[in-house]
Amino acid sequence: MTGNGPRPVEIRPHTVSKILEIEWDDGEVSKLTYEHLRVECPCADCKGHGPGQEKTITGKEDIDILNFQPVGNYAVQLQFDDGHDTGIYTWDYLRRLGGSAWG
C-alpha cells in the first residue's frame, strides 16, 4: 500500500490523445499513455510471481481505457478494451511510472 507519498487530486482520462493525466496533491502532474499503463500493468498475470516471470506485452498502441475504479484510498483499477482489468495501480506505482518518484 502507499505510504505518505503524494496522492491524486484529480485523474483525467483523455480519450482522443489516450493519455491519463493525474494531478497530485504536491502540484506535480503525470501524463501516462494508455499504452504505457497497459504494458506496465502490475498484475501477477503480467508481472509474474517472481523475478524472471514477467511477460513482454506488445501490440497495445491503440489500447483504450473503458473504465477506472478506485481501490480503497490507495489505488485505482483500470479496465482496458482488450478485456484486461486485473491490475491494481497504487498511487506510488503511478507516480513512478510518471517519472516523478518521491522519497
PDB file of N, CA and C in Angstrom:
ATOM      1  N   MET A   1       0.838  -1.184   0.000  1.00  0.00           N
ATOM      2  CA  MET A   1       0.000   0.000   0.000  1.00  0.00           C
ATOM      3  C   MET A   1       0.876   1.238   0.000  1.00  0.00           C
ATOM      4  N   THR A   2       0.274   2.310  -0.332  1.00  0.00           N
ATOM      5  CA  THR A   2       1.005   3.556  -0.425  1.00  0.00           C
ATOM      6  C   THR A   2       1.301   4.108   0.966  1.00  0.00           C
ATOM      7  N   GLY A   3       2.442   4.763   1.088  1.00  0.00           N
ATOM      8  CA  GLY A   3       2.821   5.338   2.368  1.00  0.00           C
ATOM      9  C   GLY A   3       2.347   6.763   2.487  1.00  0.00           C
ATOM     10  N   ASN A   4       3.282   7.647   2.798  1.00  0.00           N
ATOM     11  CA  ASN A   4       2.941   9.049   2.991  1.00  0.00           C
ATOM     12  C   ASN A   4       3.213   9.884   1.756  1.00  0.00           C
ATOM     13  N   GLY A   5       3.326   9.263   0.604  1.00  0.00           N
ATOM     14  CA  GLY A   5       3.637   9.971  -0.629  1.00  0.00           C
ATOM     15  C   GLY A   5       2.466  10.761  -1.168  1.00  0.00           C
ATOM     16  N   PRO A   6       2.706  11.405  -2.297  1.00  0.00           N
ATOM     17  CA  PRO A   6       1.656  12.203  -2.931  1.00  0.00           C
ATOM     18  C   PRO A   6       0.427  11.361  -3.285  1.00  0.00           C
ATOM     19  N   ARG A   7      -0.710  12.032  -3.252  1.00  0.00           N
ATOM     20  CA  ARG A   7      -1.979  11.391  -3.597  1.00  0.00           C
ATOM     21  C   ARG A   7      -2.630  12.187  -4.724  1.00  0.00           C
ATOM     22  N   PRO A   8      -3.392  11.518  -5.586  1.00  0.00           N
ATOM     23  CA  PRO A   8      -4.060  12.229  -6.674  1.00  0.00           C
ATOM     24  C   PRO A   8      -5.145  13.169  -6.158  1.00  0.00           C
ATOM     25  N   VAL A   9      -5.195  14.326  -6.769  1.00  0.00           N
ATOM     26  CA  VAL A   9      -6.289  15.264  -6.535  1.00  0.00           C
ATOM     27  C   VAL A   9      -7.352  15.031  -7.609  1.00  0.00           C
ATOM     28  N   GLU A  10      -6.881  14.746  -8.821  1.00  0.00           N
ATOM     29  CA  GLU A  10      -7.796  14.506  -9.937  1.00  0.00           C
ATOM     30  C   GLU A  10      -7.128  13.565 -10.933  1.00  0.00           C
ATOM     31  N   ILE A  11      -7.931  12.658 -11.502  1.00  0.00           N
ATOM     32  CA  ILE A  11      -7.475  11.750 -12.553  1.00  0.00           C
ATOM     33  C   ILE A  11      -8.363  12.003 -13.758  1.00  0.00           C
ATOM     34  N   ARG A  12      -7.729  12.393 -14.878  1.00  0.00           N
ATOM     35  CA  ARG A  12      -8.482  12.747 -16.080  1.00  0.00           C
ATOM     36  C   ARG A  12      -8.041  11.877 -17.255  1.00  0.00           C
ATOM     37  N   PRO A  13      -8.944  11.033 -17.766  1.00  0.00           N
ATOM     38  CA  PRO A  13      -8.622  10.291 -18.992  1.00  0.00           C
ATOM     39  C   PRO A  13      -8.910  11.167 -20.214  1.00  0.00           C
ATOM     40  N   HIS A  14      -7.947  11.238 -21.115  1.00  0.00           N
ATOM     41  CA  HIS A  14      -8.114  11.980 -22.363  1.00  0.00           C
ATOM     42  C   HIS A  14      -8.255  10.952 -23.480  1.00  0.00           C
ATOM     43  N   THR A  15      -9.494  10.740 -23.926  1.00  0.00           N
ATOM     44  CA  THR A  15      -9.782   9.643 -24.846  1.00  0.00           C
ATOM     45  C   THR A  15      -9.205   9.849 -26.241  1.00  0.00           C
ATOM     46  N   VAL A  16      -9.095  11.079 -26.706  1.00  0.00           N
ATOM     47  CA  VAL A  16      -8.558  11.308 -28.050  1.00  0.00           C
ATOM     48  C   VAL A  16      -7.049  11.072 -28.069  1.00  0.00           C
ATOM     49  N   SER A  17      -6.331  11.660 -27.116  1.00  0.00           N
ATOM     50  CA  SER A  17      -4.876  11.507 -27.068  1.00  0.00           C
ATOM     51  C   SER A  17      -4.445  10.216 -26.382  1.00  0.00           C
ATOM     52  N   LYS A  18      -5.392   9.527 -25.731  1.00  0.00           N
ATOM     53  CA  LYS A  18      -5.123   8.291 -24.992  1.00  0.00           C
ATOM     54  C   LYS A  18      -4.046   8.502 -23.935  1.00  0.00           C
ATOM     55  N   ILE A  19      -4.254   9.549 -23.146  1.00  0.00           N
ATOM     56  CA  ILE A  19      -3.351   9.884 -22.045  1.00  0.00           C
ATOM     57  C   ILE A  19      -4.178   9.995 -20.766  1.00  0.00           C
ATOM     58  N   LEU A  20      -3.669   9.376 -19.706  1.00  0.00           N
ATOM     59  CA  LEU A  20      -4.269   9.517 -18.384  1.00  0.00           C
ATOM     60  C   LEU A  20      -3.453  10.582 -17.649  1.00  0.00           C
ATOM     61  N   GLU A  21      -4.108  11.675 -17.343  1.00  0.00           N
ATOM     62  CA  GLU A  21      -3.459  12.789 -16.659  1.00  0.00           C
ATOM     63  C   GLU A  21      -3.823  12.734 -15.182  1.00  0.00           C
ATOM     64  N   ILE A  22      -2.795  12.777 -14.338  1.00  0.00           N
ATOM     65  CA  ILE A  22      -3.008  12.714 -12.897  1.00  0.00           C
ATOM     66  C   ILE A  22      -2.418  13.955 -12.263  1.00  0.00           C
ATOM     67  N   GLU A  23      -3.276  14.717 -11.573  1.00  0.00           N
ATOM     68  CA  GLU A  23      -2.820  15.880 -10.826  1.00  0.00           C
ATOM     69  C   GLU A  23      -2.636  15.431  -9.381  1.00  0.00           C
ATOM     70  N   TRP A  24      -1.441  15.664  -8.842  1.00  0.00           N
ATOM     71  CA  TRP A  24      -1.089  15.218  -7.484  1.00  0.00           C
ATOM     72  C   TRP A  24      -1.230  16.354  -6.489  1.00  0.00           C
ATOM     73  N   ASP A  25      -1.402  15.990  -5.219  1.00  0.00           N
ATOM     74  CA  ASP A  25      -1.601  16.999  -4.178  1.00  0.00           C
ATOM     75  C   ASP A  25      -0.353  17.826  -3.870  1.00  0.00           C
ATOM     76  N   ASP A  26       0.800  17.473  -4.444  1.00  0.00           N
ATOM     77  CA  ASP A  26       2.009  18.277  -4.277  1.00  0.00           C
ATOM     78  C   ASP A  26       2.258  19.189  -5.483  1.00  0.00           C
ATOM     79  N   GLY A  27       1.265  19.253  -6.396  1.00  0.00           N
ATOM     80  CA  GLY A  27       1.351  20.146  -7.539  1.00  0.00           C
ATOM     81  C   GLY A  27       1.906  19.516  -8.808  1.00  0.00           C
ATOM     82  N   GLU A  28       2.490  18.340  -8.714  1.00  0.00           N
ATOM     83  CA  GLU A  28       3.010  17.656  -9.900  1.00  0.00           C
ATOM     84  C   GLU A  28       1.853  17.147 -10.760  1.00  0.00           C
ATOM     85  N   VAL A  29       2.127  16.967 -12.051  1.00  0.00           N
ATOM     86  CA  VAL A  29       1.157  16.390 -12.974  1.00  0.00           C
ATOM     87  C   VAL A  29       1.856  15.279 -13.745  1.00  0.00           C
ATOM     88  N   SER A  30       1.255  14.093 -13.751  1.00  0.00           N
ATOM     89  CA  SER A  30       1.772  12.960 -14.524  1.00  0.00           C
ATOM     90  C   SER A  30       0.878  12.768 -15.735  1.00  0.00           C
ATOM     91  N   LYS A  31       1.509  12.480 -16.872  1.00  0.00           N
ATOM     92  CA  LYS A  31       0.759  12.179 -18.095  1.00  0.00           C
ATOM     93  C   LYS A  31       1.259  10.833 -18.601  1.00  0.00           C
ATOM     94  N   LEU A  32       0.397   9.835 -18.490  1.00  0.00           N
ATOM     95  CA  LEU A  32       0.750   8.467 -18.836  1.00  0.00           C
ATOM     96  C   LEU A  32      -0.086   7.997 -20.013  1.00  0.00           C
ATOM     97  N   THR A  33       0.579   7.475 -21.051  1.00  0.00           N
ATOM     98  CA  THR A  33      -0.188   6.968 -22.185  1.00  0.00           C
ATOM     99  C   THR A  33      -0.903   5.686 -21.776  1.00  0.00           C
ATOM    100  N   TYR A  34      -2.034   5.456 -22.388  1.00  0.00           N
ATOM    101  CA  TYR A  34      -2.773   4.227 -22.122  1.00  0.00           C
ATOM    102  C   TYR A  34      -1.902   3.010 -22.446  1.00  0.00           C
ATOM    103  N   GLU A  35      -1.145   3.106 -23.558  1.00  0.00           N
ATOM    104  CA  GLU A  35      -0.263   2.004 -23.947  1.00  0.00           C
ATOM    105  C   GLU A  35       0.737   1.701 -22.834  1.00  0.00           C
ATOM    106  N   HIS A  36       1.373   2.727 -22.291  1.00  0.00           N
ATOM    107  CA  HIS A  36       2.361   2.550 -21.224  1.00  0.00           C
ATOM    108  C   HIS A  36       1.722   1.904 -19.993  1.00  0.00           C
ATOM    109  N   LEU A  37       0.532   2.361 -19.640  1.00  0.00           N
ATOM    110  CA  LEU A  37      -0.173   1.787 -18.493  1.00  0.00           C
ATOM    111  C   LEU A  37      -0.489   0.310 -18.718  1.00  0.00           C
ATOM    112  N   ARG A  38      -0.906  -0.046 -19.916  1.00  0.00           N
ATOM    113  CA  ARG A  38      -1.246  -1.449 -20.212  1.00  0.00           C
ATOM    114  C   ARG A  38       0.005  -2.314 -20.215  1.00  0.00           C
ATOM    115  N   VAL A  39       1.065  -1.828 -20.842  1.00  0.00           N
ATOM    116  CA  VAL A  39       2.317  -2.591 -20.931  1.00  0.00           C
ATOM    117  C   VAL A  39       2.939  -2.782 -19.552  1.00  0.00           C
ATOM    118  N   GLU A  40       2.780  -1.807 -18.680  1.00  0.00           N
ATOM    119  CA  GLU A  40       3.362  -1.866 -17.339  1.00  0.00           C
ATOM    120  C   GLU A  40       2.356  -2.310 -16.276  1.00  0.00           C
ATOM    121  N   CYS A  41       1.313  -3.017 -16.683  1.00  0.00           N
ATOM    122  CA  CYS A  41       0.309  -3.490 -15.735  1.00  0.00           C
ATOM    123  C   CYS A  41       0.985  -4.266 -14.608  1.00  0.00           C
ATOM    124  N   PRO A  42       0.668  -3.922 -13.354  1.00  0.00           N
ATOM    125  CA  PRO A  42       1.337  -4.560 -12.222  1.00  0.00           C
ATOM    126  C   PRO A  42       0.745  -5.896 -11.773  1.00  0.00           C
ATOM    127  N   CYS A  43      -0.240  -6.430 -12.478  1.00  0.00           N
ATOM    128  CA  CYS A  43      -0.887  -7.660 -12.013  1.00  0.00           C
ATOM    129  C   CYS A  43       0.051  -8.866 -12.126  1.00  0.00           C
ATOM    130  N   ALA A  44      -0.263  -9.908 -11.382  1.00  0.00           N
ATOM    131  CA  ALA A  44       0.556 -11.119 -11.367  1.00  0.00           C
ATOM    132  C   ALA A  44       0.582 -11.808 -12.732  1.00  0.00           C
ATOM    133  N   ASP A  45      -0.495 -11.700 -13.507  1.00  0.00           N
ATOM    134  CA  ASP A  45      -0.517 -12.313 -14.825  1.00  0.00           C
ATOM    135  C   ASP A  45       0.517 -11.671 -15.745  1.00  0.00           C
ATOM    136  N   CYS A  46       0.705 -10.364 -15.620  1.00  0.00           N
ATOM    137  CA  CYS A  46       1.663  -9.641 -16.469  1.00  0.00           C
ATOM    138  C   CYS A  46       3.081  -9.639 -15.888  1.00  0.00           C
ATOM    139  N   LYS A  47       3.190  -9.440 -14.593  1.00  0.00           N
ATOM    140  CA  LYS A  47       4.498  -9.318 -13.943  1.00  0.00           C
ATOM    141  C   LYS A  47       5.017 -10.633 -13.377  1.00  0.00           C
ATOM    142  N   GLY A  48       4.175 -11.646 -13.299  1.00  0.00           N
ATOM    143  CA  GLY A  48       4.590 -12.920 -12.736  1.00  0.00           C
ATOM    144  C   GLY A  48       4.565 -12.890 -11.220  1.00  0.00           C
ATOM    145  N   HIS A  49       4.992 -14.002 -10.646  1.00  0.00           N
ATOM    146  CA  HIS A  49       5.007 -14.126  -9.186  1.00  0.00           C
ATOM    147  C   HIS A  49       6.413 -14.038  -8.617  1.00  0.00           C
ATOM    148  N   GLY A  50       7.375 -13.763  -9.480  1.00  0.00           N
ATOM    149  CA  GLY A  50       8.753 -13.651  -9.021  1.00  0.00           C
ATOM    150  C   GLY A  50       9.653 -13.198 -10.153  1.00  0.00           C
ATOM    151  N   PRO A  51      10.916 -12.952  -9.842  1.00  0.00           N
ATOM    152  CA  PRO A  51      11.871 -12.494 -10.856  1.00  0.00           C
ATOM    153  C   PRO A  51      11.947 -13.446 -12.051  1.00  0.00           C
ATOM    154  N   GLY A  52      11.983 -12.855 -13.230  1.00  0.00           N
ATOM    155  CA  GLY A  52      12.107 -13.633 -14.451  1.00  0.00           C
ATOM    156  C   GLY A  52      10.799 -14.164 -15.004  1.00  0.00           C
ATOM    157  N   GLN A  53       9.696 -13.905 -14.355  1.00  0.00           N
ATOM    158  CA  GLN A  53       8.398 -14.406 -14.818  1.00  0.00           C
ATOM    159  C   GLN A  53       7.583 -13.351 -15.558  1.00  0.00           C
ATOM    160  N   GLU A  54       8.171 -12.172 -15.751  1.00  0.00           N
ATOM    161  CA  GLU A  54       7.444 -11.084 -16.401  1.00  0.00           C
ATOM    162  C   GLU A  54       7.129 -11.440 -17.854  1.00  0.00           C
ATOM    163  N   LYS A  55       5.978 -11.009 -18.323  1.00  0.00           N
ATOM    164  CA  LYS A  55       5.601 -11.159 -19.725  1.00  0.00           C
ATOM    165  C   LYS A  55       5.940  -9.870 -20.456  1.00  0.00           C
ATOM    166  N   THR A  56       6.319 -10.002 -21.725  1.00  0.00           N
ATOM    167  CA  THR A  56       6.501  -8.836 -22.575  1.00  0.00           C
ATOM    168  C   THR A  56       5.177  -8.581 -23.282  1.00  0.00           C
ATOM    169  N   ILE A  57       4.580  -7.440 -22.986  1.00  0.00           N
ATOM    170  CA  ILE A  57       3.277  -7.077 -23.558  1.00  0.00           C
ATOM    171  C   ILE A  57       3.547  -6.171 -24.763  1.00  0.00           C
ATOM    172  N   THR A  58       3.032  -6.551 -25.930  1.00  0.00           N
ATOM    173  CA  THR A  58       3.231  -5.752 -27.141  1.00  0.00           C
ATOM    174  C   THR A  58       1.900  -5.569 -27.864  1.00  0.00           C
ATOM    175  N   GLY A  59       1.919  -4.727 -28.895  1.00  0.00           N
ATOM    176  CA  GLY A  59       0.739  -4.535 -29.726  1.00  0.00           C
ATOM    177  C   GLY A  59      -0.387  -3.776 -29.054  1.00  0.00           C
ATOM    178  N   LYS A  60      -0.050  -2.882 -28.140  1.00  0.00           N
ATOM    179  CA  LYS A  60      -1.089  -2.154 -27.400  1.00  0.00           C
ATOM    180  C   LYS A  60      -1.111  -0.662 -27.743  1.00  0.00           C
ATOM    181  N   GLU A  61      -0.608  -0.315 -28.918  1.00  0.00           N
ATOM    182  CA  GLU A  61      -0.547   1.091 -29.320  1.00  0.00           C
ATOM    183  C   GLU A  61      -1.918   1.761 -29.375  1.00  0.00           C
ATOM    184  N   ASP A  62      -2.952   1.007 -29.714  1.00  0.00           N
ATOM    185  CA  ASP A  62      -4.296   1.576 -29.863  1.00  0.00           C
ATOM    186  C   ASP A  62      -5.228   1.215 -28.709  1.00  0.00           C
ATOM    187  N   ILE A  63      -4.659   0.800 -27.588  1.00  0.00           N
ATOM    188  CA  ILE A  63      -5.464   0.385 -26.432  1.00  0.00           C
ATOM    189  C   ILE A  63      -6.278   1.559 -25.888  1.00  0.00           C
ATOM    190  N   ASP A  64      -7.421   1.255 -25.350  1.00  0.00           N
ATOM    191  CA  ASP A  64      -8.262   2.287 -24.760  1.00  0.00           C
ATOM    192  C   ASP A  64      -8.618   1.860 -23.334  1.00  0.00           C
ATOM    193  N   ILE A  65      -8.863   2.827 -22.473  1.00  0.00           N
ATOM    194  CA  ILE A  65      -9.341   2.552 -21.127  1.00  0.00           C
ATOM    195  C   ILE A  65     -10.841   2.763 -21.129  1.00  0.00           C
ATOM    196  N   LEU A  66     -11.573   1.726 -20.764  1.00  0.00           N
ATOM    197  CA  LEU A  66     -13.025   1.793 -20.737  1.00  0.00           C
ATOM    198  C   LEU A  66     -13.546   2.363 -19.430  1.00  0.00           C
ATOM    199  N   ASN A  67     -12.828   2.063 -18.326  1.00  0.00           N
ATOM    200  CA  ASN A  67     -13.315   2.465 -17.022  1.00  0.00           C
ATOM    201  C   ASN A  67     -12.169   2.423 -16.028  1.00  0.00           C
ATOM    202  N   PHE A  68     -12.291   3.186 -14.964  1.00  0.00           N
ATOM    203  CA  PHE A  68     -11.354   3.055 -13.849  1.00  0.00           C
ATOM    204  C   PHE A  68     -12.116   3.239 -12.557  1.00  0.00           C
ATOM    205  N   GLN A  69     -11.751   2.405 -11.579  1.00  0.00           N
ATOM    206  CA  GLN A  69     -12.445   2.386 -10.299  1.00  0.00           C
ATOM    207  C   GLN A  69     -11.441   2.560  -9.170  1.00  0.00           C
ATOM    208  N   PRO A  70     -11.774   3.361  -8.167  1.00  0.00           N
ATOM    209  CA  PRO A  70     -10.883   3.469  -7.013  1.00  0.00           C
ATOM    210  C   PRO A  70     -10.827   2.140  -6.255  1.00  0.00           C
ATOM    211  N   VAL A  71      -9.676   1.879  -5.681  1.00  0.00           N
ATOM    212  CA  VAL A  71      -9.480   0.718  -4.817  1.00  0.00           C
ATOM    213  C   VAL A  71      -9.051   1.274  -3.466  1.00  0.00           C
ATOM    214  N   GLY A  72      -9.968   1.285  -2.527  1.00  0.00           N
ATOM    215  CA  GLY A  72      -9.682   1.877  -1.221  1.00  0.00           C
ATOM    216  C   GLY A  72      -9.233   3.318  -1.370  1.00  0.00           C
ATOM    217  N   ASN A  73      -8.272   3.697  -0.552  1.00  0.00           N
ATOM    218  CA  ASN A  73      -7.692   5.046  -0.613  1.00  0.00           C
ATOM    219  C   ASN A  73      -6.272   5.026  -1.150  1.00  0.00           C
ATOM    220  N   TYR A  74      -5.903   3.950  -1.839  1.00  0.00           N
ATOM    221  CA  TYR A  74      -4.502   3.796  -2.204  1.00  0.00           C
ATOM    222  C   TYR A  74      -4.236   3.450  -3.664  1.00  0.00           C
ATOM    223  N   ALA A  75      -5.282   3.209  -4.477  1.00  0.00           N
ATOM    224  CA  ALA A  75      -5.026   2.720  -5.834  1.00  0.00           C
ATOM    225  C   ALA A  75      -6.237   2.919  -6.736  1.00  0.00           C
ATOM    226  N   VAL A  76      -6.030   2.569  -8.003  1.00  0.00           N
ATOM    227  CA  VAL A  76      -7.098   2.573  -8.994  1.00  0.00           C
ATOM    228  C   VAL A  76      -6.954   1.298  -9.829  1.00  0.00           C
ATOM    229  N   GLN A  77      -8.094   0.744 -10.249  1.00  0.00           N
ATOM    230  CA  GLN A  77      -8.101  -0.425 -11.115  1.00  0.00           C
ATOM    231  C   GLN A  77      -8.590   0.017 -12.482  1.00  0.00           C
ATOM    232  N   LEU A  78      -7.805  -0.293 -13.520  1.00  0.00           N
ATOM    233  CA  LEU A  78      -8.134   0.120 -14.880  1.00  0.00           C
ATOM    234  C   LEU A  78      -8.729  -1.037 -15.660  1.00  0.00           C
ATOM    235  N   GLN A  79      -9.731  -0.728 -16.463  1.00  0.00           N
ATOM    236  CA  GLN A  79     -10.338  -1.716 -17.354  1.00  0.00           C
ATOM    237  C   GLN A  79     -10.007  -1.296 -18.786  1.00  0.00           C
ATOM    238  N   PHE A  80      -9.256  -2.146 -19.485  1.00  0.00           N
ATOM    239  CA  PHE A  80      -8.834  -1.857 -20.853  1.00  0.00           C
ATOM    240  C   PHE A  80      -9.770  -2.528 -21.855  1.00  0.00           C
ATOM    241  N   ASP A  81      -9.778  -2.001 -23.084  1.00  0.00           N
ATOM    242  CA  ASP A  81     -10.690  -2.542 -24.087  1.00  0.00           C
ATOM    243  C   ASP A  81     -10.241  -3.880 -24.667  1.00  0.00           C
ATOM    244  N   ASP A  82      -9.081  -4.399 -24.253  1.00  0.00           N
ATOM    245  CA  ASP A  82      -8.679  -5.743 -24.662  1.00  0.00           C
ATOM    246  C   ASP A  82      -9.168  -6.793 -23.654  1.00  0.00           C
ATOM    247  N   GLY A  83      -9.985  -6.353 -22.682  1.00  0.00           N
ATOM    248  CA  GLY A  83     -10.544  -7.250 -21.687  1.00  0.00           C
ATOM    249  C   GLY A  83      -9.718  -7.362 -20.419  1.00  0.00           C
ATOM    250  N   HIS A  84      -8.534  -6.772 -20.410  1.00  0.00           N
ATOM    251  CA  HIS A  84      -7.669  -6.862 -19.228  1.00  0.00           C
ATOM    252  C   HIS A  84      -8.128  -5.862 -18.173  1.00  0.00           C
ATOM    253  N   ASP A  85      -8.314  -6.360 -16.935  1.00  0.00           N
ATOM    254  CA  ASP A  85      -8.814  -5.468 -15.881  1.00  0.00           C
ATOM    255  C   ASP A  85      -8.364  -5.893 -14.484  1.00  0.00           C
ATOM    256  N   THR A  86      -7.262  -6.643 -14.391  1.00  0.00           N
ATOM    257  CA  THR A  86      -6.857  -7.161 -13.088  1.00  0.00           C
ATOM    258  C   THR A  86      -5.760  -6.352 -12.403  1.00  0.00           C
ATOM    259  N   GLY A  87      -5.206  -5.374 -13.070  1.00  0.00           N
ATOM    260  CA  GLY A  87      -4.125  -4.592 -12.466  1.00  0.00           C
ATOM    261  C   GLY A  87      -4.620  -3.580 -11.454  1.00  0.00           C
ATOM    262  N   ILE A  88      -3.977  -3.557 -10.295  1.00  0.00           N
ATOM    263  CA  ILE A  88      -4.246  -2.559  -9.260  1.00  0.00           C
ATOM    264  C   ILE A  88      -3.055  -1.602  -9.264  1.00  0.00           C
ATOM    265  N   TYR A  89      -3.280  -0.372  -9.677  1.00  0.00           N
ATOM    266  CA  TYR A  89      -2.225   0.634  -9.809  1.00  0.00           C
ATOM    267  C   TYR A  89      -2.218   1.508  -8.559  1.00  0.00           C
ATOM    268  N   THR A  90      -1.256   1.270  -7.660  1.00  0.00           N
ATOM    269  CA  THR A  90      -1.172   2.088  -6.452  1.00  0.00           C
ATOM    270  C   THR A  90      -0.718   3.486  -6.818  1.00  0.00           C
ATOM    271  N   TRP A  91      -0.966   4.435  -5.916  1.00  0.00           N
ATOM    272  CA  TRP A  91      -0.562   5.822  -6.183  1.00  0.00           C
ATOM    273  C   TRP A  91       0.945   5.917  -6.384  1.00  0.00           C
ATOM    274  N   ASP A  92       1.750   5.240  -5.545  1.00  0.00           N
ATOM    275  CA  ASP A  92       3.194   5.368  -5.719  1.00  0.00           C
ATOM    276  C   ASP A  92       3.664   4.676  -6.997  1.00  0.00           C
ATOM    277  N   TYR A  93       3.004   3.594  -7.430  1.00  0.00           N
ATOM    278  CA  TYR A  93       3.364   2.955  -8.695  1.00  0.00           C
ATOM    279  C   TYR A  93       3.071   3.902  -9.866  1.00  0.00           C
ATOM    280  N   LEU A  94       1.906   4.534  -9.859  1.00  0.00           N
ATOM    281  CA  LEU A  94       1.569   5.500 -10.915  1.00  0.00           C
ATOM    282  C   LEU A  94       2.546   6.658 -10.918  1.00  0.00           C
ATOM    283  N   ARG A  95       2.929   7.109  -9.744  1.00  0.00           N
ATOM    284  CA  ARG A  95       3.878   8.221  -9.659  1.00  0.00           C
ATOM    285  C   ARG A  95       5.218   7.819 -10.262  1.00  0.00           C
ATOM    286  N   ARG A  96       5.676   6.609  -9.953  1.00  0.00           N
ATOM    287  CA  ARG A  96       6.937   6.121 -10.545  1.00  0.00           C
ATOM    288  C   ARG A  96       6.823   5.992 -12.055  1.00  0.00           C
ATOM    289  N   LEU A  97       5.696   5.482 -12.542  1.00  0.00           N
ATOM    290  CA  LEU A  97       5.504   5.366 -13.994  1.00  0.00           C
ATOM    291  C   LEU A  97       5.543   6.733 -14.658  1.00  0.00           C
ATOM    292  N   GLY A  98       5.072   7.751 -13.941  1.00  0.00           N
ATOM    293  CA  GLY A  98       5.060   9.109 -14.471  1.00  0.00           C
ATOM    294  C   GLY A  98       6.417   9.793 -14.430  1.00  0.00           C
ATOM    295  N   GLY A  99       7.393   9.137 -13.841  1.00  0.00           N
ATOM    296  CA  GLY A  99       8.747   9.695 -13.845  1.00  0.00           C
ATOM    297  C   GLY A  99       9.073  10.639 -12.709  1.00  0.00           C
ATOM    298  N   SER A 100       8.174  10.796 -11.745  1.00  0.00           N
ATOM    299  CA  SER A 100       8.435  11.687 -10.623  1.00  0.00           C
ATOM    300  C   SER A 100       8.338  10.904  -9.321  1.00  0.00           C
ATOM    301  N   ALA A 101       9.289  10.023  -9.129  1.00  0.00           N
ATOM    302  CA  ALA A 101       9.295   9.249  -7.879  1.00  0.00           C
ATOM    303  C   ALA A 101       9.559  10.200  -6.716  1.00  0.00           C
ATOM    304  N   TRP A 102       9.046   9.856  -5.566  1.00  0.00           N
ATOM    305  CA  TRP A 102       9.242  10.673  -4.374  1.00  0.00           C
ATOM    306  C   TRP A 102       9.996   9.838  -3.358  1.00  0.00           C
ATOM    307  N   GLY A 103      10.570  10.522  -2.380  1.00  0.00           N
ATOM    308  CA  GLY A 103      11.226   9.882  -1.260  1.00  0.00           C
ATOM    309  C   GLY A 103      12.168   8.860  -1.709  1.00  0.00           C
TER     310      GLY A 103
END
